[in-house]
Amino acid sequence: MNTKDTLSSDLVARIENTLIYGAKYKLLPREQKIVLYLISKIDPRSDRFHEQVVSVKELEQLLKTEGTKWGGLYEEMKSFKKRIVRKGLEFESDILIDGKPFSGYISWFQSIIPILNESNEVCLEFMFSEKLRPFLLQLKEYTRIDLNEILPLKSGFSIRLLQVFRAHLNRMARHERESHLSYPIEDFKALLDISDSYKDFRNLRKRVLDVVVKEINEKTSVDVRMDFQRAGRKVVSIEFFLKDKDRPKVIVPKLSIDNLSFARLKAYEILVEYGVNEGIALKQILPRLKSSEAEGFEDMWIEECLRIFKLKGKGDVGAFVNWFLKLKVFEQGDHFATIMESLQKRKKKLQKDRPDAWHNRLEAKKMSAEEFRETKLG
């Protein structure tokens, strides 16, 4: 494994929502960042998800992004490995003992071992627990966590809750602009594995809640505010109100046939073959395909849109364009959900049945079709 001198700007950890919502654990900020960084390096094409080899250079750069004092990489990793191999996550189960649900427990790592890679670089081999496979590899309903938002955060509670907030926002995005999330006090503390701490709510608010809200609002793309429900004078639950911040408009190069990616070019050809005007297909329809889950699979997205349109028997190509551009039928409601579900099924089938084609799509999505062809021919 070749390592880079700088961390990638495209670091995304994919985590099953059942782990984000249901697991109870508490990790220090640096522990969470290392765990999420290792998750971001999991190759969805490989069954050997649990073995992650990382150079000490990468780890040093990762930890230094915090801008906080530290005792050097050796001391940091010596302390980290001793702590983390004893830590895990607790999750609920349907098994009853004495009539009460008995929770399960999974360690994060089986082992952490120093090795040399093929380039003779000093690395650490992290072995995730095999029991984490369903949460990190065999994904069904998952959330993408951008490490570029995680790394500036200094509170471990902020890091944990940002994952919960992002999962909830993504799940509710097509239903509402501002999402609502409520926790009874004890459930909230259990989520953060602090059930035995902060008995006084004023202390919980000062040391956890206020810190989390301030830091997430200042450093991430999520806007959060909170309110409290009381029974008499006692606070019994916390309500979070969440929305994505209005992001500055990003100027992107105008699309042309020459700079279309492999999948976008195929999508363009499908539209033109169906009868869509070339200019409308290129300049109006393709720019609307912005879903991160569709990147590299835009042709499949268009095929699913056409399939739904034809099933509804709504008319000619002009009606399809009207659906797409004016009515925005494919950007909301049940049709959007159907497209996403079908797209996920097709992606998983491609990954399983044709792993080479799956890999090619992942490689091709960041370059033009011509650049991709030259890469393969060269």
Protein backbone atom coordinates (compact mmCIF):
# COMPACT_ATOMS: atom_id res chain seq x y z
CA MET A 1 0.00 0.00 0.00
CA ASN A 2 1.44 3.30 -1.07
CA THR A 3 0.89 6.20 1.27
CA LYS A 4 0.68 9.89 0.50
CA ASP A 5 2.44 12.76 2.17
CA THR A 6 -0.87 14.54 2.70
CA LEU A 7 -4.27 13.34 3.74
CA SER A 8 -6.85 12.98 1.00
CA SER A 9 -9.47 15.72 0.83
CA ASP A 10 -12.07 13.09 -0.07
CA LEU A 11 -12.37 11.16 3.19
CA VAL A 12 -15.80 9.69 3.72
CA ALA A 13 -16.72 7.07 6.31
CA ARG A 14 -19.77 4.97 5.42
CA ILE A 15 -21.57 3.65 8.49
CA GLU A 16 -24.78 1.65 8.81
CA ASN A 17 -27.50 3.74 10.46
CA THR A 18 -28.26 1.06 13.04
CA LEU A 19 -24.75 1.58 14.40
CA ILE A 20 -25.05 5.37 14.39
CA TYR A 21 -28.44 5.44 16.11
CA GLY A 22 -28.36 2.35 18.29
CA ALA A 23 -24.80 1.86 19.53
CA LYS A 24 -23.78 3.23 22.90
CA TYR A 25 -20.13 4.13 23.31
CA LYS A 26 -17.79 6.86 24.45
CA LEU A 27 -14.46 7.49 22.78
CA LEU A 28 -12.03 10.35 23.18
CA PRO A 29 -11.95 12.81 20.24
CA ARG A 30 -8.70 11.41 18.84
CA GLU A 31 -9.94 7.86 19.22
CA GLN A 32 -13.07 8.67 17.24
CA LYS A 33 -11.09 10.43 14.53
CA ILE A 34 -8.76 7.49 14.08
CA VAL A 35 -11.69 5.03 14.02
CA LEU A 36 -13.56 7.12 11.45
CA TYR A 37 -10.41 7.56 9.37
CA LEU A 38 -9.91 3.80 9.30
CA ILE A 39 -13.55 3.30 8.34
CA SER A 40 -13.12 5.79 5.48
CA LYS A 41 -10.34 3.58 4.10
CA ILE A 42 -12.50 0.45 3.91
CA ASP A 43 -12.69 -0.78 0.33
CA PRO A 44 -16.33 -1.71 -0.45
CA ARG A 45 -15.06 -4.16 -3.08
CA SER A 46 -13.12 -6.25 -0.56
CA ASP A 47 -14.35 -8.78 1.97
CA ARG A 48 -11.23 -8.16 4.10
CA PHE A 49 -12.73 -5.04 5.56
CA HIS A 50 -11.28 -5.47 9.04
CA GLU A 51 -7.58 -5.24 8.11
CA GLN A 52 -6.49 -1.63 7.67
CA VAL A 53 -2.81 -0.75 7.29
CA VAL A 54 -1.93 2.90 7.89
CA SER A 55 1.51 4.51 7.84
CA VAL A 56 2.64 6.49 10.84
CA LYS A 57 2.95 9.51 8.53
CA GLU A 58 -0.79 9.41 7.87
CA LEU A 59 -1.58 9.07 11.54
CA GLU A 60 0.68 11.97 12.43
CA GLN A 61 -0.97 14.22 9.85
CA LEU A 62 -4.40 13.12 11.04
CA LEU A 63 -3.72 13.93 14.67
CA LYS A 64 -2.00 17.22 13.93
CA THR A 65 -5.09 18.55 12.13
CA GLU A 66 -6.57 19.18 15.57
CA GLY A 67 -4.21 22.03 16.31
CA THR A 68 -3.95 20.93 19.94
CA LYS A 69 -0.92 20.01 21.97
CA TRP A 70 0.20 16.43 21.95
CA GLY A 71 3.12 14.39 23.16
CA GLY A 72 4.47 13.12 19.86
CA LEU A 73 3.31 10.22 17.71
CA TYR A 74 5.01 7.46 19.70
CA GLU A 75 3.42 8.44 22.99
CA GLU A 76 0.08 9.15 21.34
CA MET A 77 -0.13 5.75 19.64
CA LYS A 78 1.22 3.89 22.68
CA SER A 79 -1.53 5.43 24.77
CA PHE A 80 -4.15 4.99 22.04
CA LYS A 81 -3.61 1.28 21.44
CA LYS A 82 -3.79 0.43 25.13
CA ARG A 83 -7.07 2.28 25.51
CA ILE A 84 -8.82 1.37 22.30
CA VAL A 85 -8.34 -2.41 22.43
CA ARG A 86 -10.24 -2.38 25.73
CA LYS A 87 -13.07 -0.24 24.36
CA GLY A 88 -16.11 -1.26 22.37
CA LEU A 89 -19.72 -0.45 21.76
CA GLU A 90 -22.87 -1.68 23.41
CA PHE A 91 -26.03 -2.41 21.46
CA GLU A 92 -29.51 -3.56 22.29
CA SER A 93 -30.77 -7.07 21.51
CA ASP A 94 -34.07 -8.98 21.64
CA ILE A 95 -32.67 -11.51 24.11
CA LEU A 96 -34.27 -11.36 27.57
CA ILE A 97 -32.71 -12.29 30.89
CA ASP A 98 -35.01 -12.08 33.90
CA GLY A 99 -37.50 -10.42 31.58
CA LYS A 100 -35.14 -7.59 30.67
CA PRO A 101 -33.43 -6.96 27.29
CA PHE A 102 -29.78 -8.03 27.51
CA SER A 103 -27.43 -5.85 25.51
CA GLY A 104 -24.51 -7.08 23.42
CA TYR A 105 -20.95 -5.76 23.35
CA ILE A 106 -18.44 -5.63 20.48
CA SER A 107 -14.82 -4.50 20.75
CA TRP A 108 -13.71 -2.03 18.10
CA PHE A 109 -10.44 -3.83 17.35
CA GLN A 110 -9.05 -7.34 17.61
CA SER A 111 -5.46 -6.13 17.49
CA ILE A 112 -3.10 -3.27 16.62
CA ILE A 113 0.30 -4.41 15.36
CA PRO A 114 3.32 -2.47 14.00
CA ILE A 115 4.50 -3.69 10.57
CA LEU A 116 6.51 -2.59 7.53
CA ASN A 117 4.66 -2.29 4.22
CA GLU A 118 6.06 -3.10 0.77
CA SER A 119 7.63 0.37 0.61
CA ASN A 120 9.41 -0.31 3.91
CA GLU A 121 7.36 2.36 5.68
CA VAL A 122 6.53 1.94 9.36
CA CYS A 123 2.82 1.24 9.63
CA LEU A 124 0.22 0.03 12.06
CA GLU A 125 -2.09 -2.81 11.14
CA PHE A 126 -5.50 -2.27 12.70
CA MET A 127 -7.80 -5.28 12.81
CA PHE A 128 -11.45 -4.31 13.23
CA SER A 129 -13.59 -6.83 15.08
CA GLU A 130 -15.21 -9.21 12.60
CA LYS A 131 -18.55 -8.63 14.34
CA LEU A 132 -18.52 -5.07 12.98
CA ARG A 133 -18.81 -6.32 9.39
CA PRO A 134 -22.60 -5.70 9.05
CA PHE A 135 -22.16 -2.13 10.28
CA LEU A 136 -19.18 -1.14 8.12
CA LEU A 137 -19.27 -3.28 4.96
CA GLN A 138 -22.60 -5.04 4.36
CA LEU A 139 -24.41 -1.72 4.18
CA LYS A 140 -28.16 -1.38 3.64
CA GLU A 141 -29.17 2.01 5.01
CA TYR A 142 -26.09 4.02 5.76
CA THR A 143 -24.76 7.55 6.24
CA ARG A 144 -21.70 9.17 4.70
CA ILE A 145 -19.64 11.02 7.31
CA ASP A 146 -17.27 13.63 5.88
CA LEU A 147 -14.03 13.57 7.89
CA ASN A 148 -13.24 17.11 6.78
CA GLU A 149 -16.05 18.18 9.11
CA ILE A 150 -15.01 15.79 11.88
CA LEU A 151 -11.32 16.67 12.12
CA PRO A 152 -11.72 20.28 13.41
CA LEU A 153 -14.01 19.19 16.25
CA LYS A 154 -12.45 19.00 19.72
CA SER A 155 -15.32 17.51 21.70
CA GLY A 156 -15.91 13.77 21.52
CA PHE A 157 -19.60 14.43 22.16
CA SER A 158 -19.70 16.75 19.14
CA ILE A 159 -18.16 14.07 16.93
CA ARG A 160 -20.61 11.43 18.12
CA LEU A 161 -23.69 13.63 17.80
CA LEU A 162 -22.70 15.07 14.43
CA GLN A 163 -22.97 11.51 13.07
CA VAL A 164 -26.45 11.14 14.56
CA PHE A 165 -27.54 14.55 13.26
CA ARG A 166 -26.18 13.89 9.78
CA ALA A 167 -27.90 10.48 9.59
CA HIS A 168 -31.21 12.02 10.66
CA LEU A 169 -30.93 14.95 8.24
CA ASN A 170 -30.17 12.64 5.32
CA ARG A 171 -33.06 10.35 6.17
CA MET A 172 -35.55 13.21 6.44
CA ALA A 173 -34.20 15.42 3.65
CA ARG A 174 -36.98 14.69 1.18
CA HIS A 175 -39.71 15.28 3.75
CA GLU A 176 -38.72 18.47 5.55
CA ARG A 177 -36.21 21.30 5.49
CA GLU A 178 -35.79 21.37 9.28
CA SER A 179 -35.73 18.05 11.10
CA HIS A 180 -36.72 17.35 14.68
CA LEU A 181 -35.00 14.85 16.96
CA SER A 182 -36.03 14.23 20.57
CA TYR A 183 -34.41 12.23 23.39
CA PRO A 184 -35.55 11.58 26.94
CA ILE A 185 -32.67 12.67 29.18
CA GLU A 186 -31.67 9.15 30.19
CA ASP A 187 -31.76 7.89 26.58
CA PHE A 188 -29.57 10.79 25.50
CA LYS A 189 -27.03 10.08 28.21
CA ALA A 190 -27.09 6.37 27.34
CA LEU A 191 -26.32 7.19 23.70
CA LEU A 192 -23.16 8.97 24.82
CA ASP A 193 -22.39 6.31 27.45
CA ILE A 194 -22.53 8.83 30.27
CA SER A 195 -25.51 7.39 32.19
CA ASP A 196 -23.64 7.57 35.48
CA SER A 197 -22.41 11.12 34.95
CA TYR A 198 -23.90 14.62 34.98
CA LYS A 199 -26.64 13.91 37.50
CA ASP A 200 -27.41 17.63 37.64
CA PHE A 201 -28.96 18.75 34.36
CA ARG A 202 -27.28 22.15 34.64
CA ASN A 203 -23.93 20.37 34.55
CA LEU A 204 -25.02 18.26 31.54
CA ARG A 205 -26.08 21.38 29.68
CA LYS A 206 -22.91 23.34 30.46
CA ARG A 207 -20.35 20.60 29.80
CA VAL A 208 -22.06 18.65 27.02
CA LEU A 209 -25.04 20.27 25.33
CA ASP A 210 -23.84 23.87 25.08
CA VAL A 211 -20.41 22.71 23.91
CA VAL A 212 -21.89 20.45 21.23
CA VAL A 213 -24.32 23.02 19.85
CA LYS A 214 -21.70 25.78 19.74
CA GLU A 215 -19.02 23.65 18.10
CA ILE A 216 -21.26 22.01 15.51
CA ASN A 217 -22.77 25.35 14.54
CA GLU A 218 -19.38 27.00 14.18
CA LYS A 219 -17.45 24.24 12.43
CA THR A 220 -19.82 22.06 10.39
CA SER A 221 -22.49 22.24 7.68
CA VAL A 222 -25.22 21.38 10.20
CA ASP A 223 -27.25 24.06 11.94
CA VAL A 224 -28.59 22.91 15.30
CA ARG A 225 -30.65 24.50 18.04
CA MET A 226 -32.14 22.86 21.10
CA ASP A 227 -35.09 23.12 23.42
CA PHE A 228 -36.15 21.27 26.56
CA GLN A 229 -39.36 19.62 27.71
CA ARG A 230 -40.16 19.83 31.41
CA ALA A 231 -42.36 18.01 33.86
CA GLY A 232 -42.86 20.68 36.46
CA ARG A 233 -39.42 22.18 36.99
CA LYS A 234 -37.54 19.05 35.94
CA VAL A 235 -36.14 18.75 32.40
CA VAL A 236 -37.25 15.36 31.06
CA SER A 237 -36.24 15.47 27.39
CA ILE A 238 -34.06 17.32 24.90
CA GLU A 239 -35.26 18.41 21.48
CA PHE A 240 -32.85 19.13 18.64
CA PHE A 241 -33.91 21.10 15.58
CA LEU A 242 -31.62 20.42 12.64
CA LYS A 243 -31.09 21.75 9.15
CA ASP A 244 -28.34 22.01 6.59
CA LYS A 245 -26.76 25.42 6.39
CA ASP A 246 -27.16 27.38 3.19
CA ARG A 247 -23.84 26.77 1.54
CA PRO A 248 -22.15 29.30 -0.74
CA LYS A 249 -22.79 28.76 -4.39
CA VAL A 250 -19.97 26.82 -6.00
CA ILE A 251 -18.96 27.84 -9.49
CA VAL A 252 -18.39 24.73 -11.58
CA PRO A 253 -17.19 24.50 -15.16
CA LYS A 254 -19.97 24.33 -17.72
CA LEU A 255 -20.60 20.84 -18.96
CA SER A 256 -19.48 19.95 -22.45
CA ILE A 257 -19.35 16.67 -24.29
CA ASP A 258 -15.56 16.67 -23.87
CA ASN A 259 -15.55 16.91 -20.06
CA LEU A 260 -18.41 14.52 -19.27
CA SER A 261 -17.47 11.57 -17.11
CA PHE A 262 -17.99 8.04 -18.40
CA ALA A 263 -21.35 7.58 -16.64
CA ARG A 264 -22.58 11.10 -17.48
CA LEU A 265 -21.72 10.58 -21.13
CA LYS A 266 -23.74 7.38 -21.13
CA ALA A 267 -26.62 9.22 -19.44
CA TYR A 268 -26.41 11.93 -22.11
CA GLU A 269 -26.51 9.32 -24.89
CA ILE A 270 -29.53 7.61 -23.29
CA LEU A 271 -31.41 10.91 -23.13
CA VAL A 272 -30.59 11.88 -26.72
CA GLU A 273 -31.55 8.43 -27.97
CA TYR A 274 -34.90 8.79 -26.20
CA GLY A 275 -35.46 12.03 -28.08
CA VAL A 276 -34.37 14.74 -25.64
CA ASN A 277 -32.83 17.77 -27.32
CA GLU A 278 -29.01 17.62 -27.05
CA GLY A 279 -28.73 21.07 -25.51
CA ILE A 280 -31.44 20.37 -22.93
CA ALA A 281 -29.86 17.05 -22.02
CA LEU A 282 -26.40 18.57 -21.62
CA LYS A 283 -27.13 21.97 -20.10
CA GLN A 284 -30.31 21.43 -18.09
CA ILE A 285 -30.87 17.79 -17.16
CA LEU A 286 -27.34 16.52 -16.48
CA PRO A 287 -26.46 19.41 -14.11
CA ARG A 288 -29.39 18.35 -11.91
CA LEU A 289 -27.83 14.97 -11.20
CA LYS A 290 -26.03 16.06 -8.01
CA SER A 291 -26.71 13.17 -5.62
CA SER A 292 -23.46 11.79 -4.20
CA GLU A 293 -24.94 8.29 -4.40
CA ALA A 294 -25.52 8.72 -8.14
CA GLU A 295 -21.98 9.93 -8.90
CA GLY A 296 -20.41 7.45 -11.28
CA PHE A 297 -23.83 5.87 -11.95
CA GLU A 298 -25.69 8.75 -13.62
CA ASP A 299 -26.69 6.55 -16.57
CA MET A 300 -28.46 4.16 -14.20
CA TRP A 301 -30.22 7.13 -12.56
CA ILE A 302 -31.54 8.32 -15.95
CA GLU A 303 -32.62 4.78 -16.83
CA GLU A 304 -34.62 4.58 -13.61
CA CYS A 305 -36.24 7.97 -14.31
CA LEU A 306 -37.27 6.82 -17.78
CA ARG A 307 -38.55 3.50 -16.44
CA ILE A 308 -40.84 5.25 -13.96
CA PHE A 309 -42.03 7.73 -16.59
CA LYS A 310 -42.86 4.96 -19.06
CA LEU A 311 -44.68 2.93 -16.40
CA LYS A 312 -46.88 5.93 -15.66
CA GLY A 313 -47.65 6.31 -19.37
CA LYS A 314 -47.55 10.08 -19.10
CA GLY A 315 -46.83 10.93 -22.74
CA ASP A 316 -44.00 11.90 -25.03
CA VAL A 317 -40.46 13.14 -24.54
CA GLY A 318 -41.71 16.69 -23.96
CA ALA A 319 -43.72 15.51 -20.96
CA PHE A 320 -40.64 13.74 -19.61
CA VAL A 321 -38.57 16.93 -19.84
CA ASN A 322 -41.38 18.83 -18.11
CA TRP A 323 -41.40 16.22 -15.32
CA PHE A 324 -37.66 16.59 -14.93
CA LEU A 325 -37.15 20.35 -15.16
CA LYS A 326 -40.34 22.09 -14.10
CA LEU A 327 -42.18 19.65 -11.87
CA LYS A 328 -38.96 18.19 -10.40
CA VAL A 329 -40.76 14.86 -10.00
CA PHE A 330 -37.55 12.89 -9.66
CA GLU A 331 -36.10 15.12 -6.93
CA GLN A 332 -38.75 14.52 -4.31
CA GLY A 333 -41.46 12.25 -2.95
CA ASP A 334 -41.99 8.57 -3.66
CA HIS A 335 -40.35 8.63 -7.08
CA PHE A 336 -37.09 9.84 -5.56
CA ALA A 337 -37.22 7.07 -2.96
CA THR A 338 -37.96 4.47 -5.66
CA ILE A 339 -35.05 5.66 -7.77
CA MET A 340 -32.65 5.54 -4.82
CA GLU A 341 -33.80 2.06 -3.82
CA SER A 342 -33.45 0.71 -7.37
CA LEU A 343 -30.10 2.41 -7.81
CA GLN A 344 -28.74 0.85 -4.62
CA LYS A 345 -29.89 -2.61 -5.74
CA ARG A 346 -28.25 -2.20 -9.13
CA LYS A 347 -25.01 -0.95 -7.60
CA LYS A 348 -24.84 -3.88 -5.19
CA LYS A 349 -25.56 -6.36 -7.97
CA LEU A 350 -22.85 -4.82 -10.16
CA GLN A 351 -20.37 -4.92 -7.28
CA LYS A 352 -21.14 -8.59 -6.65
CA ASP A 353 -21.46 -9.89 -10.22
CA ARG A 354 -18.97 -7.66 -12.05
CA PRO A 355 -16.36 -6.34 -9.59
CA ASP A 356 -14.09 -5.11 -12.41
CA ALA A 357 -16.89 -2.97 -13.86
CA TRP A 358 -17.67 -1.67 -10.36
CA HIS A 359 -14.04 -0.67 -9.82
CA ASN A 360 -13.90 1.01 -13.23
CA ARG A 361 -16.92 3.15 -12.41
CA LEU A 362 -15.40 4.29 -9.12
CA GLU A 363 -12.17 5.13 -10.91
CA ALA A 364 -13.90 6.91 -13.81
CA LYS A 365 -16.24 9.19 -11.88
CA LYS A 366 -13.60 11.87 -11.19
CA MET A 367 -12.31 12.15 -14.77
CA SER A 368 -13.66 12.72 -18.25
CA ALA A 369 -14.59 9.72 -20.37
CA GLU A 370 -11.66 10.48 -22.65
CA GLU A 371 -9.21 10.62 -19.73
CA PHE A 372 -10.58 7.32 -18.46
CA ARG A 373 -10.11 5.66 -21.85
CA GLU A 374 -6.52 6.94 -22.03
CA THR A 375 -5.88 5.56 -18.53
CA LYS A 376 -7.08 2.12 -19.57
CA LEU A 377 -5.25 2.12 -22.90
CA GLY A 378 -2.05 3.57 -21.42
